[in-house]
Amino acid sequence: MLTRPLSLPTPHFVESCGALPLHLPTRTIALIYYKRKDEYLLAKGRRNVAESRSAAALREVREETGLTCTLLPVIMDTRAPPADEKAEDTNAGDRVRVEEECVEPFMVSMREVGRKGKKGQEGSRHLKIIWWFLGEIVEGEGEVSGESFEKGRWDGPEEQFEVVRMGFEEAVEKLSFEGDREVLRKGVELVEGTYWSKEGDSGEILVV
C-alpha cells in the first residue's frame, strides 16, 4: 500500500484493462502464448480515449484471443457504493460491503514500466494501472471442450500470439508471471464462491 499520497500527470501513467476469458461448463480459461518471448499471459491492453474500462477489457480479449466475451457477474466484496444509492444506507462511511452480481473490476495491478534513463538523462519510466474483469466466453466461440478453436465465431488472435485453453489450476502453473497468477487465483476464487458449492460440489453451475 502507498505510504504517502501519489499524484501523477498524464504522461506518467497509462491505464490498461484485461479480462479472464472463462468457460464455466468446462472450467477452462483461454491464455495467450507470446511466441517471441516464450511467455504465457493474460489478455490485456491499453484503454483508448473515451473508452470505458469494461469495454476496453472485452475489446482487448477479442483482439488478442479472437474470442468474444461478456462480463461475468460474481458475488464480490467492494468499497464502491451501490448503483442505487437510495436502496440502502450509504452514509455509513468507507466500508466493505457485499455486492451481488457485480461486474466491476475485481482486481487492480500497478506496475512501473518503461526504460530507465542513462546516467545524467531522464528515463521514460511510468506507472501502468491494470483493471481486471471477469469474462465469460460466448457459446459458439471455438470448440468449448477443446483447444483448437477452429469452430465457431473465431477470428483468430493477433499474429504474435497463440491461444491455449486449459483448466484453472493448470493455467495458474503455466502463467509466466506471479502477478498474473495472483490475478487468476483471485478470479477463480470469486467464480467458485458464486457458481459452485463449496461442499459436495457436483460440478454443475449454480444459478445466482
C-alpha atoms as a PDB file:
ATOM      1  CA  MET A   1       0.000   0.000   0.000  1.00  0.00           C
ATOM      2  CA  LEU A   2       1.099   3.592  -0.555  1.00  0.00           C
ATOM      3  CA  THR A   3       2.990   5.190   2.315  1.00  0.00           C
ATOM      4  CA  ARG A   4       2.284   8.725   1.050  1.00  0.00           C
ATOM      5  CA  PRO A   5      -0.121  10.421  -1.392  1.00  0.00           C
ATOM      6  CA  LEU A   6       0.823   9.958  -5.036  1.00  0.00           C
ATOM      7  CA  SER A   7      -0.284  12.332  -7.800  1.00  0.00           C
ATOM      8  CA  LEU A   8       0.833  11.802 -11.393  1.00  0.00           C
ATOM      9  CA  PRO A   9       0.226  13.876 -14.549  1.00  0.00           C
ATOM     10  CA  THR A  10      -0.986  12.022 -17.644  1.00  0.00           C
ATOM     11  CA  PRO A  11       2.442  11.486 -19.275  1.00  0.00           C
ATOM     12  CA  HIS A  12       3.473   9.476 -16.232  1.00  0.00           C
ATOM     13  CA  PHE A  13       0.739   6.840 -16.159  1.00  0.00           C
ATOM     14  CA  VAL A  14      -1.302   4.690 -18.529  1.00  0.00           C
ATOM     15  CA  GLU A  15      -4.458   2.647 -17.939  1.00  0.00           C
ATOM     16  CA  SER A  16      -4.696  -0.905 -19.205  1.00  0.00           C
ATOM     17  CA  CYS A  17      -7.637  -3.287 -18.918  1.00  0.00           C
ATOM     18  CA  GLY A  18      -7.914  -7.048 -19.135  1.00  0.00           C
ATOM     19  CA  ALA A  19     -10.427  -9.824 -18.607  1.00  0.00           C
ATOM     20  CA  LEU A  20     -10.189 -13.509 -17.795  1.00  0.00           C
ATOM     21  CA  PRO A  21     -11.894 -15.369 -20.706  1.00  0.00           C
ATOM     22  CA  LEU A  22     -13.552 -18.209 -18.800  1.00  0.00           C
ATOM     23  CA  HIS A  23     -15.704 -21.117 -19.943  1.00  0.00           C
ATOM     24  CA  LEU A  24     -17.625 -22.235 -16.869  1.00  0.00           C
ATOM     25  CA  PRO A  25     -19.044 -25.596 -18.088  1.00  0.00           C
ATOM     26  CA  THR A  26     -15.519 -26.934 -18.684  1.00  0.00           C
ATOM     27  CA  ARG A  27     -13.802 -24.802 -16.026  1.00  0.00           C
ATOM     28  CA  THR A  28     -11.228 -23.587 -18.512  1.00  0.00           C
ATOM     29  CA  ILE A  29      -9.585 -20.277 -19.400  1.00  0.00           C
ATOM     30  CA  ALA A  30      -8.001 -19.031 -22.623  1.00  0.00           C
ATOM     31  CA  LEU A  31      -4.401 -17.877 -22.118  1.00  0.00           C
ATOM     32  CA  ILE A  32      -2.260 -16.200 -24.743  1.00  0.00           C
ATOM     33  CA  TYR A  33       1.179 -17.549 -25.607  1.00  0.00           C
ATOM     34  CA  TYR A  34       3.597 -14.795 -26.656  1.00  0.00           C
ATOM     35  CA  LYS A  35       5.739 -16.734 -29.112  1.00  0.00           C
ATOM     36  CA  ARG A  36       8.690 -14.344 -29.376  1.00  0.00           C
ATOM     37  CA  LYS A  37       9.293 -14.265 -25.633  1.00  0.00           C
ATOM     38  CA  ASP A  38       8.018 -17.770 -24.795  1.00  0.00           C
ATOM     39  CA  GLU A  39       5.585 -16.348 -22.221  1.00  0.00           C
ATOM     40  CA  TYR A  40       2.067 -17.341 -21.148  1.00  0.00           C
ATOM     41  CA  LEU A  41      -0.006 -14.253 -20.321  1.00  0.00           C
ATOM     42  CA  LEU A  42      -3.475 -12.940 -19.539  1.00  0.00           C
ATOM     43  CA  ALA A  43      -5.120 -10.852 -22.262  1.00  0.00           C
ATOM     44  CA  LYS A  44      -4.934  -7.105 -21.591  1.00  0.00           C
ATOM     45  CA  GLY A  45      -4.066  -3.811 -23.257  1.00  0.00           C
ATOM     46  CA  ARG A  46      -4.248  -0.028 -23.070  1.00  0.00           C
ATOM     47  CA  ARG A  47      -7.579   1.754 -22.767  1.00  0.00           C
ATOM     48  CA  ASN A  48      -8.397   4.162 -25.577  1.00  0.00           C
ATOM     49  CA  VAL A  49      -9.508   7.752 -25.016  1.00  0.00           C
ATOM     50  CA  ALA A  50     -13.245   7.949 -24.153  1.00  0.00           C
ATOM     51  CA  GLU A  51     -13.466   4.143 -23.835  1.00  0.00           C
ATOM     52  CA  SER A  52     -14.924   2.592 -20.687  1.00  0.00           C
ATOM     53  CA  ARG A  53     -12.711   0.218 -18.729  1.00  0.00           C
ATOM     54  CA  SER A  54     -15.033  -2.746 -19.212  1.00  0.00           C
ATOM     55  CA  ALA A  55     -15.306  -2.106 -22.972  1.00  0.00           C
ATOM     56  CA  ALA A  56     -11.526  -1.901 -23.216  1.00  0.00           C
ATOM     57  CA  ALA A  57     -11.108  -5.192 -21.355  1.00  0.00           C
ATOM     58  CA  LEU A  58     -13.527  -7.072 -23.632  1.00  0.00           C
ATOM     59  CA  ARG A  59     -12.039  -5.460 -26.765  1.00  0.00           C
ATOM     60  CA  GLU A  60      -8.520  -6.488 -25.771  1.00  0.00           C
ATOM     61  CA  VAL A  61      -9.651 -10.078 -25.206  1.00  0.00           C
ATOM     62  CA  ARG A  62     -11.246 -10.083 -28.656  1.00  0.00           C
ATOM     63  CA  GLU A  63      -8.147  -8.625 -30.322  1.00  0.00           C
ATOM     64  CA  GLU A  64      -5.615 -10.843 -28.566  1.00  0.00           C
ATOM     65  CA  THR A  65      -7.545 -14.137 -28.494  1.00  0.00           C
ATOM     66  CA  GLY A  66     -10.218 -13.792 -31.192  1.00  0.00           C
ATOM     67  CA  LEU A  67     -12.878 -14.714 -28.622  1.00  0.00           C
ATOM     68  CA  THR A  68     -15.961 -12.704 -27.737  1.00  0.00           C
ATOM     69  CA  CYS A  69     -16.718 -12.477 -24.016  1.00  0.00           C
ATOM     70  CA  THR A  70     -19.406 -10.917 -21.886  1.00  0.00           C
ATOM     71  CA  LEU A  71     -18.843  -9.632 -18.366  1.00  0.00           C
ATOM     72  CA  LEU A  72     -19.342 -12.380 -15.797  1.00  0.00           C
ATOM     73  CA  PRO A  73     -21.259 -11.299 -12.669  1.00  0.00           C
ATOM     74  CA  VAL A  74     -19.998 -12.587  -9.313  1.00  0.00           C
ATOM     75  CA  ILE A  75     -20.569 -12.016  -5.613  1.00  0.00           C
ATOM     76  CA  MET A  76     -17.854  -9.581  -4.589  1.00  0.00           C
ATOM     77  CA  ASP A  77     -16.711  -7.574  -1.593  1.00  0.00           C
ATOM     78  CA  THR A  78     -16.347  -3.905  -2.561  1.00  0.00           C
ATOM     79  CA  ARG A  79     -15.969  -0.424  -1.112  1.00  0.00           C
ATOM     80  CA  ALA A  80     -17.931   1.122  -4.004  1.00  0.00           C
ATOM     81  CA  PRO A  81     -21.408   2.486  -3.179  1.00  0.00           C
ATOM     82  CA  PRO A  82     -24.350   0.674  -4.816  1.00  0.00           C
ATOM     83  CA  ALA A  83     -25.716   1.759  -8.202  1.00  0.00           C
ATOM     84  CA  ASP A  84     -28.923   2.855  -6.487  1.00  0.00           C
ATOM     85  CA  GLU A  85     -27.684   4.818  -3.511  1.00  0.00           C
ATOM     86  CA  LYS A  86     -31.245   5.256  -2.238  1.00  0.00           C
ATOM     87  CA  ALA A  87     -31.696   1.496  -1.958  1.00  0.00           C
ATOM     88  CA  GLU A  88     -29.531   1.258   1.160  1.00  0.00           C
ATOM     89  CA  ASP A  89     -27.754   3.392   3.712  1.00  0.00           C
ATOM     90  CA  THR A  90     -24.712   4.931   2.009  1.00  0.00           C
ATOM     91  CA  ASN A  91     -23.811   7.208   4.903  1.00  0.00           C
ATOM     92  CA  ALA A  92     -22.053   4.534   6.908  1.00  0.00           C
ATOM     93  CA  GLY A  93     -18.615   5.728   5.804  1.00  0.00           C
ATOM     94  CA  ASP A  94     -15.936   3.962   3.834  1.00  0.00           C
ATOM     95  CA  ARG A  95     -16.642   0.283   4.460  1.00  0.00           C
ATOM     96  CA  VAL A  96     -16.549  -3.048   2.706  1.00  0.00           C
ATOM     97  CA  ARG A  97     -19.916  -4.445   1.676  1.00  0.00           C
ATOM     98  CA  VAL A  98     -21.108  -7.382  -0.440  1.00  0.00           C
ATOM     99  CA  GLU A  99     -22.387  -6.711  -3.953  1.00  0.00           C
ATOM    100  CA  GLU A 100     -24.448  -9.409  -5.681  1.00  0.00           C
ATOM    101  CA  GLU A 101     -23.995  -9.962  -9.431  1.00  0.00           C
ATOM    102  CA  CYS A 102     -21.129  -7.499  -9.599  1.00  0.00           C
ATOM    103  CA  VAL A 103     -19.332  -6.865 -12.925  1.00  0.00           C
ATOM    104  CA  GLU A 104     -16.918  -4.235 -11.631  1.00  0.00           C
ATOM    105  CA  PRO A 105     -13.132  -4.780 -11.754  1.00  0.00           C
ATOM    106  CA  PHE A 106     -12.245  -7.466  -9.230  1.00  0.00           C
ATOM    107  CA  MET A 107      -8.576  -6.555  -9.013  1.00  0.00           C
ATOM    108  CA  VAL A 108      -6.155  -3.778  -9.947  1.00  0.00           C
ATOM    109  CA  SER A 109      -2.442  -4.148 -10.680  1.00  0.00           C
ATOM    110  CA  MET A 110       0.128  -1.356 -10.670  1.00  0.00           C
ATOM    111  CA  ARG A 111       3.465  -1.804 -12.395  1.00  0.00           C
ATOM    112  CA  GLU A 112       6.343   0.531 -13.187  1.00  0.00           C
ATOM    113  CA  VAL A 113       7.241   0.145 -16.851  1.00  0.00           C
ATOM    114  CA  GLY A 114       9.413   1.826 -19.478  1.00  0.00           C
ATOM    115  CA  ARG A 115      13.115   2.443 -19.784  1.00  0.00           C
ATOM    116  CA  LYS A 116      15.428   3.809 -17.140  1.00  0.00           C
ATOM    117  CA  GLY A 117      17.437   6.824 -18.187  1.00  0.00           C
ATOM    118  CA  LYS A 118      21.164   6.624 -18.730  1.00  0.00           C
ATOM    119  CA  LYS A 119      23.438   8.390 -16.291  1.00  0.00           C
ATOM    120  CA  GLY A 120      22.543  12.069 -16.269  1.00  0.00           C
ATOM    121  CA  GLN A 121      19.476  11.545 -18.503  1.00  0.00           C
ATOM    122  CA  GLU A 122      15.784  11.286 -17.692  1.00  0.00           C
ATOM    123  CA  GLY A 123      14.190   7.938 -18.477  1.00  0.00           C
ATOM    124  CA  SER A 124      10.701   7.090 -19.717  1.00  0.00           C
ATOM    125  CA  ARG A 125       9.548   5.150 -16.670  1.00  0.00           C
ATOM    126  CA  HIS A 126       5.822   5.432 -15.960  1.00  0.00           C
ATOM    127  CA  LEU A 127       3.088   3.720 -13.978  1.00  0.00           C
ATOM    128  CA  LYS A 128       0.825   1.170 -15.660  1.00  0.00           C
ATOM    129  CA  ILE A 129      -2.534   0.674 -13.909  1.00  0.00           C
ATOM    130  CA  ILE A 130      -4.319  -2.522 -14.981  1.00  0.00           C
ATOM    131  CA  TRP A 131      -8.019  -3.078 -14.229  1.00  0.00           C
ATOM    132  CA  TRP A 132      -9.083  -6.736 -14.288  1.00  0.00           C
ATOM    133  CA  PHE A 133     -12.553  -8.049 -15.103  1.00  0.00           C
ATOM    134  CA  LEU A 134     -14.126 -11.497 -15.247  1.00  0.00           C
ATOM    135  CA  GLY A 135     -15.390 -12.572 -18.652  1.00  0.00           C
ATOM    136  CA  GLU A 136     -17.417 -15.500 -19.930  1.00  0.00           C
ATOM    137  CA  ILE A 137     -16.720 -16.851 -23.418  1.00  0.00           C
ATOM    138  CA  VAL A 138     -19.809 -16.585 -25.630  1.00  0.00           C
ATOM    139  CA  GLU A 139     -21.151 -20.031 -26.552  1.00  0.00           C
ATOM    140  CA  GLY A 140     -20.172 -20.990 -30.079  1.00  0.00           C
ATOM    141  CA  GLU A 141     -16.765 -19.369 -29.740  1.00  0.00           C
ATOM    142  CA  GLY A 142     -14.230 -22.015 -30.683  1.00  0.00           C
ATOM    143  CA  GLU A 143     -14.608 -25.584 -29.505  1.00  0.00           C
ATOM    144  CA  VAL A 144     -15.966 -25.329 -25.974  1.00  0.00           C
ATOM    145  CA  SER A 145     -14.479 -28.684 -24.998  1.00  0.00           C
ATOM    146  CA  GLY A 146     -11.115 -28.463 -26.776  1.00  0.00           C
ATOM    147  CA  GLU A 147      -8.147 -26.304 -27.580  1.00  0.00           C
ATOM    148  CA  SER A 148      -8.221 -25.977 -31.382  1.00  0.00           C
ATOM    149  CA  PHE A 149     -10.669 -23.038 -31.581  1.00  0.00           C
ATOM    150  CA  GLU A 150     -11.272 -23.906 -35.251  1.00  0.00           C
ATOM    151  CA  LYS A 151     -15.056 -23.889 -34.949  1.00  0.00           C
ATOM    152  CA  GLY A 152     -17.492 -21.161 -34.025  1.00  0.00           C
ATOM    153  CA  ARG A 153     -17.133 -17.409 -34.492  1.00  0.00           C
ATOM    154  CA  TRP A 154     -13.363 -17.402 -34.341  1.00  0.00           C
ATOM    155  CA  ASP A 155     -11.415 -14.547 -35.927  1.00  0.00           C
ATOM    156  CA  GLY A 156      -8.058 -15.713 -34.651  1.00  0.00           C
ATOM    157  CA  PRO A 157      -5.668 -13.962 -32.265  1.00  0.00           C
ATOM    158  CA  GLU A 158      -3.124 -11.283 -33.098  1.00  0.00           C
ATOM    159  CA  GLU A 159      -0.238 -12.707 -35.111  1.00  0.00           C
ATOM    160  CA  GLN A 160       2.305 -12.672 -32.288  1.00  0.00           C
ATOM    161  CA  PHE A 161       0.038 -14.749 -30.042  1.00  0.00           C
ATOM    162  CA  GLU A 162      -1.209 -18.305 -29.896  1.00  0.00           C
ATOM    163  CA  VAL A 163      -4.222 -19.152 -27.735  1.00  0.00           C
ATOM    164  CA  VAL A 164      -4.308 -22.114 -25.394  1.00  0.00           C
ATOM    165  CA  ARG A 165      -7.289 -23.212 -23.328  1.00  0.00           C
ATOM    166  CA  MET A 166      -6.608 -25.119 -20.129  1.00  0.00           C
ATOM    167  CA  GLY A 167      -8.037 -25.832 -16.689  1.00  0.00           C
ATOM    168  CA  PHE A 168      -7.824 -23.215 -13.961  1.00  0.00           C
ATOM    169  CA  GLU A 169      -5.193 -24.980 -11.854  1.00  0.00           C
ATOM    170  CA  GLU A 170      -3.029 -25.797 -14.860  1.00  0.00           C
ATOM    171  CA  ALA A 171      -3.280 -22.188 -16.040  1.00  0.00           C
ATOM    172  CA  VAL A 172      -2.067 -20.863 -12.683  1.00  0.00           C
ATOM    173  CA  GLU A 173       1.034 -23.023 -13.035  1.00  0.00           C
ATOM    174  CA  LYS A 174       1.521 -22.143 -16.711  1.00  0.00           C
ATOM    175  CA  LEU A 175       1.395 -18.340 -16.427  1.00  0.00           C
ATOM    176  CA  SER A 176       4.851 -16.801 -16.671  1.00  0.00           C
ATOM    177  CA  PHE A 177       4.483 -14.064 -14.051  1.00  0.00           C
ATOM    178  CA  GLU A 178       3.411 -14.181 -10.416  1.00  0.00           C
ATOM    179  CA  GLY A 179       1.318 -11.034 -10.854  1.00  0.00           C
ATOM    180  CA  ASP A 180      -0.840 -12.797 -13.456  1.00  0.00           C
ATOM    181  CA  ARG A 181      -1.039 -15.917 -11.306  1.00  0.00           C
ATOM    182  CA  GLU A 182      -2.285 -13.813  -8.376  1.00  0.00           C
ATOM    183  CA  VAL A 183      -4.992 -12.263 -10.584  1.00  0.00           C
ATOM    184  CA  LEU A 184      -6.159 -15.663 -11.842  1.00  0.00           C
ATOM    185  CA  ARG A 185      -6.233 -17.173  -8.337  1.00  0.00           C
ATOM    186  CA  LYS A 186      -8.489 -14.369  -7.102  1.00  0.00           C
ATOM    187  CA  GLY A 187     -10.729 -14.582 -10.155  1.00  0.00           C
ATOM    188  CA  VAL A 188     -11.189 -18.329  -9.730  1.00  0.00           C
ATOM    189  CA  GLU A 189     -11.923 -17.832  -6.032  1.00  0.00           C
ATOM    190  CA  LEU A 190     -14.755 -15.416  -6.859  1.00  0.00           C
ATOM    191  CA  VAL A 191     -16.189 -17.660  -9.580  1.00  0.00           C
ATOM    192  CA  GLU A 192     -16.105 -20.727  -7.342  1.00  0.00           C
ATOM    193  CA  GLY A 193     -17.738 -18.823  -4.480  1.00  0.00           C
ATOM    194  CA  THR A 194     -20.510 -17.601  -6.778  1.00  0.00           C
ATOM    195  CA  TYR A 195     -21.269 -20.533  -9.073  1.00  0.00           C
ATOM    196  CA  TRP A 196     -20.137 -23.717  -7.333  1.00  0.00           C
ATOM    197  CA  SER A 197     -20.964 -25.019  -3.876  1.00  0.00           C
ATOM    198  CA  LYS A 198     -18.007 -25.447  -1.562  1.00  0.00           C
ATOM    199  CA  GLU A 199     -19.351 -28.696  -0.125  1.00  0.00           C
ATOM    200  CA  GLY A 200     -20.474 -31.651  -2.184  1.00  0.00           C
ATOM    201  CA  ASP A 201     -19.550 -29.903  -5.455  1.00  0.00           C
ATOM    202  CA  SER A 202     -21.220 -31.824  -8.252  1.00  0.00           C
ATOM    203  CA  GLY A 203     -19.546 -29.774 -10.962  1.00  0.00           C
ATOM    204  CA  GLU A 204     -22.814 -28.196 -12.012  1.00  0.00           C
ATOM    205  CA  ILE A 205     -23.151 -24.462 -12.455  1.00  0.00           C
ATOM    206  CA  LEU A 206     -25.398 -22.841  -9.900  1.00  0.00           C
ATOM    207  CA  VAL A 207     -27.824 -20.136 -10.908  1.00  0.00           C
ATOM    208  CA  VAL A 208     -27.321 -16.919  -8.926  1.00  0.00           C
END
